[in-house]
Each structure stands twice: as C-alpha cells, then as structure tokens.
C-alpha cells in the first residue's frame, strides 16, 4: 500500500512542478495552444494522482484489483501526460508519436472502467 501512496504522491508533486514550470518558464516560449496542451497534461496527471491516493487507501478493492487499476492509471499518466510533455518540451513532432497520447487516454479510461466494475460487483453483493 505504501508503495502506491508514494507513487501517487510522486505523480502529484511532479504535476505541481510541471504546472509551475508551464505557467512561468514556458509562458514566453510556447504558443497559447501549446501551453493549453501542456496544462491539460498537468491537469490529467493531477486528477489521476488523486484517484491513485483513493485507490491506495480504499479497503473495498482487493490487492489484485488495485494492482490492475493502478497499472492502468500508471500507464495512462505516463503515456498521455508524458507524450504531451515530450511533444511540448522537445523537438519531437506530434506526427511521429501521434498514437501515444490517445493510447494513454485509453489506459486512463480502462482504469476508471475497472473501478466501476469493482464497485458494481460490491454493490451487487450488498
């Protein structure tokens, strides 16, 4: 459990760092649209850091299911937010890695759907 809490906190603190970096250091170097994209990556990373904290402390999900949900969210954050950071902070062209961002989004969706399934199973047992 503590490993998952540490990872969730890592995602949270790096979202804060990237958000501050974006709003200060990148304000003059990125276009408005690029900055909006960067901020979307930060926002999604923070949302899912908070969800990861919830998953870590929630007792109604088995360790096996937590591992599955966390894996989806870890991959989703890394691929979705990570690909946007890569595109906006480097010379990597979006066209060359176009499939990574939506793939990350699919992993984030899979994490949420996995949570829904677990809650529905618990609800049906009640």
C-alpha atoms as a PDB file:
ATOM      1  CA  UNK A   1       0.000   0.000   0.000  1.00  0.00           C
ATOM      2  CA  UNK A   2       2.755   2.472   0.902  1.00  0.00           C
ATOM      3  CA  UNK A   3       4.468   1.962  -2.450  1.00  0.00           C
ATOM      4  CA  UNK A   4       1.250   3.005  -4.200  1.00  0.00           C
ATOM      5  CA  UNK A   5       0.896   6.022  -1.910  1.00  0.00           C
ATOM      6  CA  UNK A   6       4.464   7.066  -2.717  1.00  0.00           C
ATOM      7  CA  UNK A   7       3.851   6.703  -6.462  1.00  0.00           C
ATOM      8  CA  UNK A   8       0.601   8.689  -6.207  1.00  0.00           C
ATOM      9  CA  UNK A   9       2.416  11.431  -4.275  1.00  0.00           C
ATOM     10  CA  UNK A  10       5.218  11.419  -6.849  1.00  0.00           C
ATOM     11  CA  UNK A  11       2.676  11.994  -9.627  1.00  0.00           C
ATOM     12  CA  UNK A  12       1.078  14.745  -7.546  1.00  0.00           C
ATOM     13  CA  UNK A  13       4.296  16.601  -6.768  1.00  0.00           C
ATOM     14  CA  UNK A  14       5.547  16.369 -10.346  1.00  0.00           C
ATOM     15  CA  UNK A  15       2.203  17.726 -11.563  1.00  0.00           C
ATOM     16  CA  UNK A  16       2.709  20.732  -9.283  1.00  0.00           C
ATOM     17  CA  UNK A  17       6.279  21.180 -10.542  1.00  0.00           C
ATOM     18  CA  UNK A  18       5.268  20.857 -14.204  1.00  0.00           C
ATOM     19  CA  UNK A  19       2.328  23.193 -13.642  1.00  0.00           C
ATOM     20  CA  UNK A  20       4.541  25.860 -12.109  1.00  0.00           C
ATOM     21  CA  UNK A  21       7.148  25.364 -14.816  1.00  0.00           C
ATOM     22  CA  UNK A  22       4.498  25.688 -17.502  1.00  0.00           C
ATOM     23  CA  UNK A  23       2.879  28.804 -16.102  1.00  0.00           C
ATOM     24  CA  UNK A  24       6.169  30.612 -15.521  1.00  0.00           C
ATOM     25  CA  UNK A  25       9.041  29.309 -17.653  1.00  0.00           C
ATOM     26  CA  UNK A  26       7.055  28.235 -20.698  1.00  0.00           C
ATOM     27  CA  UNK A  27       4.723  31.221 -20.886  1.00  0.00           C
ATOM     28  CA  UNK A  28       7.101  33.063 -23.202  1.00  0.00           C
ATOM     29  CA  UNK A  29       8.279  30.088 -25.265  1.00  0.00           C
ATOM     30  CA  UNK A  30       5.098  28.147 -26.080  1.00  0.00           C
ATOM     31  CA  UNK A  31       2.156  29.336 -28.130  1.00  0.00           C
ATOM     32  CA  UNK A  32      -1.227  29.645 -26.427  1.00  0.00           C
ATOM     33  CA  UNK A  33      -2.359  26.313 -27.912  1.00  0.00           C
ATOM     34  CA  UNK A  34       0.853  24.562 -26.866  1.00  0.00           C
ATOM     35  CA  UNK A  35       0.530  25.921 -23.342  1.00  0.00           C
ATOM     36  CA  UNK A  36      -3.106  24.763 -23.215  1.00  0.00           C
ATOM     37  CA  UNK A  37      -1.993  21.279 -24.265  1.00  0.00           C
ATOM     38  CA  UNK A  38       0.755  21.269 -21.621  1.00  0.00           C
ATOM     39  CA  UNK A  39      -1.752  22.367 -18.957  1.00  0.00           C
ATOM     40  CA  UNK A  40      -4.094  19.557 -19.990  1.00  0.00           C
ATOM     41  CA  UNK A  41      -1.304  17.055 -19.362  1.00  0.00           C
ATOM     42  CA  UNK A  42      -0.645  18.571 -15.934  1.00  0.00           C
ATOM     43  CA  UNK A  43      -4.348  18.580 -15.045  1.00  0.00           C
ATOM     44  CA  UNK A  44      -4.896  14.950 -16.069  1.00  0.00           C
ATOM     45  CA  UNK A  45      -1.788  13.893 -14.180  1.00  0.00           C
ATOM     46  CA  UNK A  46      -3.030  15.602 -11.014  1.00  0.00           C
ATOM     47  CA  UNK A  47      -6.560  14.199 -11.322  1.00  0.00           C
ATOM     48  CA  UNK A  48      -5.191  10.702 -11.568  1.00  0.00           C
ATOM     49  CA  UNK A  49      -2.673  11.213  -8.758  1.00  0.00           C
ATOM     50  CA  UNK A  50      -5.656  11.978  -6.522  1.00  0.00           C
ATOM     51  CA  UNK A  51      -7.525   8.908  -7.781  1.00  0.00           C
ATOM     52  CA  UNK A  52      -4.434   6.781  -7.099  1.00  0.00           C
ATOM     53  CA  UNK A  53      -4.444   8.027  -3.488  1.00  0.00           C
ATOM     54  CA  UNK A  54      -8.083   6.976  -3.194  1.00  0.00           C
ATOM     55  CA  UNK A  55      -7.393   3.538  -4.668  1.00  0.00           C
ATOM     56  CA  UNK A  56      -4.472   3.021  -2.280  1.00  0.00           C
ATOM     57  CA  UNK A  57      -6.485   3.732   0.859  1.00  0.00           C
ATOM     58  CA  UNK A  58      -9.845   2.258  -0.169  1.00  0.00           C
ATOM     59  CA  UNK A  59     -10.467  -1.062   1.582  1.00  0.00           C
ATOM     60  CA  UNK A  60     -13.284  -2.247  -0.694  1.00  0.00           C
ATOM     61  CA  UNK A  61     -10.977  -3.326  -3.541  1.00  0.00           C
ATOM     62  CA  UNK A  62      -8.746  -6.404  -3.398  1.00  0.00           C
ATOM     63  CA  UNK A  63      -4.989  -6.084  -3.764  1.00  0.00           C
ATOM     64  CA  UNK A  64      -5.189  -7.836  -7.134  1.00  0.00           C
ATOM     65  CA  UNK A  65      -7.798  -5.389  -8.420  1.00  0.00           C
ATOM     66  CA  UNK A  66      -5.849  -2.428  -7.023  1.00  0.00           C
ATOM     67  CA  UNK A  67      -2.820  -3.632  -8.974  1.00  0.00           C
ATOM     68  CA  UNK A  68      -4.865  -3.777 -12.181  1.00  0.00           C
ATOM     69  CA  UNK A  69      -6.437  -0.351 -11.645  1.00  0.00           C
ATOM     70  CA  UNK A  70      -3.112   1.219 -10.652  1.00  0.00           C
ATOM     71  CA  UNK A  71      -1.371  -0.293 -13.660  1.00  0.00           C
ATOM     72  CA  UNK A  72      -3.942   1.225 -15.991  1.00  0.00           C
ATOM     73  CA  UNK A  73      -3.565   4.628 -14.353  1.00  0.00           C
ATOM     74  CA  UNK A  74       0.261   4.471 -14.237  1.00  0.00           C
ATOM     75  CA  UNK A  75       0.428   3.630 -17.930  1.00  0.00           C
ATOM     76  CA  UNK A  76      -2.237   6.188 -18.741  1.00  0.00           C
ATOM     77  CA  UNK A  77      -0.429   9.011 -16.947  1.00  0.00           C
ATOM     78  CA  UNK A  78       2.920   8.051 -18.420  1.00  0.00           C
ATOM     79  CA  UNK A  79       1.630   7.745 -21.981  1.00  0.00           C
ATOM     80  CA  UNK A  80      -0.981  10.516 -22.020  1.00  0.00           C
ATOM     81  CA  UNK A  81       0.693  13.248 -19.994  1.00  0.00           C
ATOM     82  CA  UNK A  82       4.201  12.047 -20.783  1.00  0.00           C
ATOM     83  CA  UNK A  83       3.682  12.201 -24.529  1.00  0.00           C
ATOM     84  CA  UNK A  84       2.266  15.717 -24.292  1.00  0.00           C
ATOM     85  CA  UNK A  85       5.225  16.831 -22.164  1.00  0.00           C
ATOM     86  CA  UNK A  86       7.580  15.251 -24.698  1.00  0.00           C
ATOM     87  CA  UNK A  87       5.933  16.997 -27.632  1.00  0.00           C
ATOM     88  CA  UNK A  88       5.800  20.405 -25.944  1.00  0.00           C
ATOM     89  CA  UNK A  89       9.259  20.347 -24.320  1.00  0.00           C
ATOM     90  CA  UNK A  90      11.348  18.789 -27.085  1.00  0.00           C
ATOM     91  CA  UNK A  91      11.650  18.857 -30.827  1.00  0.00           C
ATOM     92  CA  UNK A  92       9.690  15.586 -31.140  1.00  0.00           C
ATOM     93  CA  UNK A  93       6.954  16.103 -33.697  1.00  0.00           C
ATOM     94  CA  UNK A  94       3.428  15.128 -32.692  1.00  0.00           C
ATOM     95  CA  UNK A  95       3.028  13.360 -36.038  1.00  0.00           C
ATOM     96  CA  UNK A  96       5.807  10.922 -35.125  1.00  0.00           C
ATOM     97  CA  UNK A  97       4.169   9.774 -31.870  1.00  0.00           C
ATOM     98  CA  UNK A  98       0.524  10.627 -32.603  1.00  0.00           C
ATOM     99  CA  UNK A  99      -0.761   7.276 -31.292  1.00  0.00           C
ATOM    100  CA  UNK A 100       0.784   7.507 -27.810  1.00  0.00           C
ATOM    101  CA  UNK A 101      -1.465  10.219 -26.357  1.00  0.00           C
ATOM    102  CA  UNK A 102      -4.778   8.527 -27.233  1.00  0.00           C
ATOM    103  CA  UNK A 103      -3.361   5.171 -26.121  1.00  0.00           C
ATOM    104  CA  UNK A 104      -2.637   6.774 -22.759  1.00  0.00           C
ATOM    105  CA  UNK A 105      -6.194   8.087 -22.702  1.00  0.00           C
ATOM    106  CA  UNK A 106      -7.487   4.565 -23.304  1.00  0.00           C
ATOM    107  CA  UNK A 107      -5.483   3.306 -20.307  1.00  0.00           C
ATOM    108  CA  UNK A 108      -6.960   6.090 -18.151  1.00  0.00           C
ATOM    109  CA  UNK A 109     -10.444   5.097 -19.317  1.00  0.00           C
ATOM    110  CA  UNK A 110      -9.651   1.445 -18.587  1.00  0.00           C
ATOM    111  CA  UNK A 111      -8.687   2.394 -15.034  1.00  0.00           C
ATOM    112  CA  UNK A 112     -11.994   4.156 -14.490  1.00  0.00           C
ATOM    113  CA  UNK A 113     -13.981   1.315 -16.063  1.00  0.00           C
ATOM    114  CA  UNK A 114     -12.144  -1.174 -13.840  1.00  0.00           C
ATOM    115  CA  UNK A 115     -13.153   0.856 -10.806  1.00  0.00           C
ATOM    116  CA  UNK A 116     -16.782   0.948 -11.976  1.00  0.00           C
ATOM    117  CA  UNK A 117     -16.773  -2.833 -12.416  1.00  0.00           C
ATOM    118  CA  UNK A 118     -15.371  -3.362  -8.918  1.00  0.00           C
ATOM    119  CA  UNK A 119     -17.923  -1.024  -7.347  1.00  0.00           C
ATOM    120  CA  UNK A 120     -20.787  -2.693  -9.228  1.00  0.00           C
ATOM    121  CA  UNK A 121     -19.599  -6.103  -8.021  1.00  0.00           C
ATOM    122  CA  UNK A 122     -19.543  -4.822  -4.445  1.00  0.00           C
ATOM    123  CA  UNK A 123     -22.952  -3.211  -4.872  1.00  0.00           C
ATOM    124  CA  UNK A 124     -24.467  -6.467  -6.184  1.00  0.00           C
ATOM    125  CA  UNK A 125     -23.069  -8.388  -3.208  1.00  0.00           C
ATOM    126  CA  UNK A 126     -24.701  -5.971  -0.770  1.00  0.00           C
END
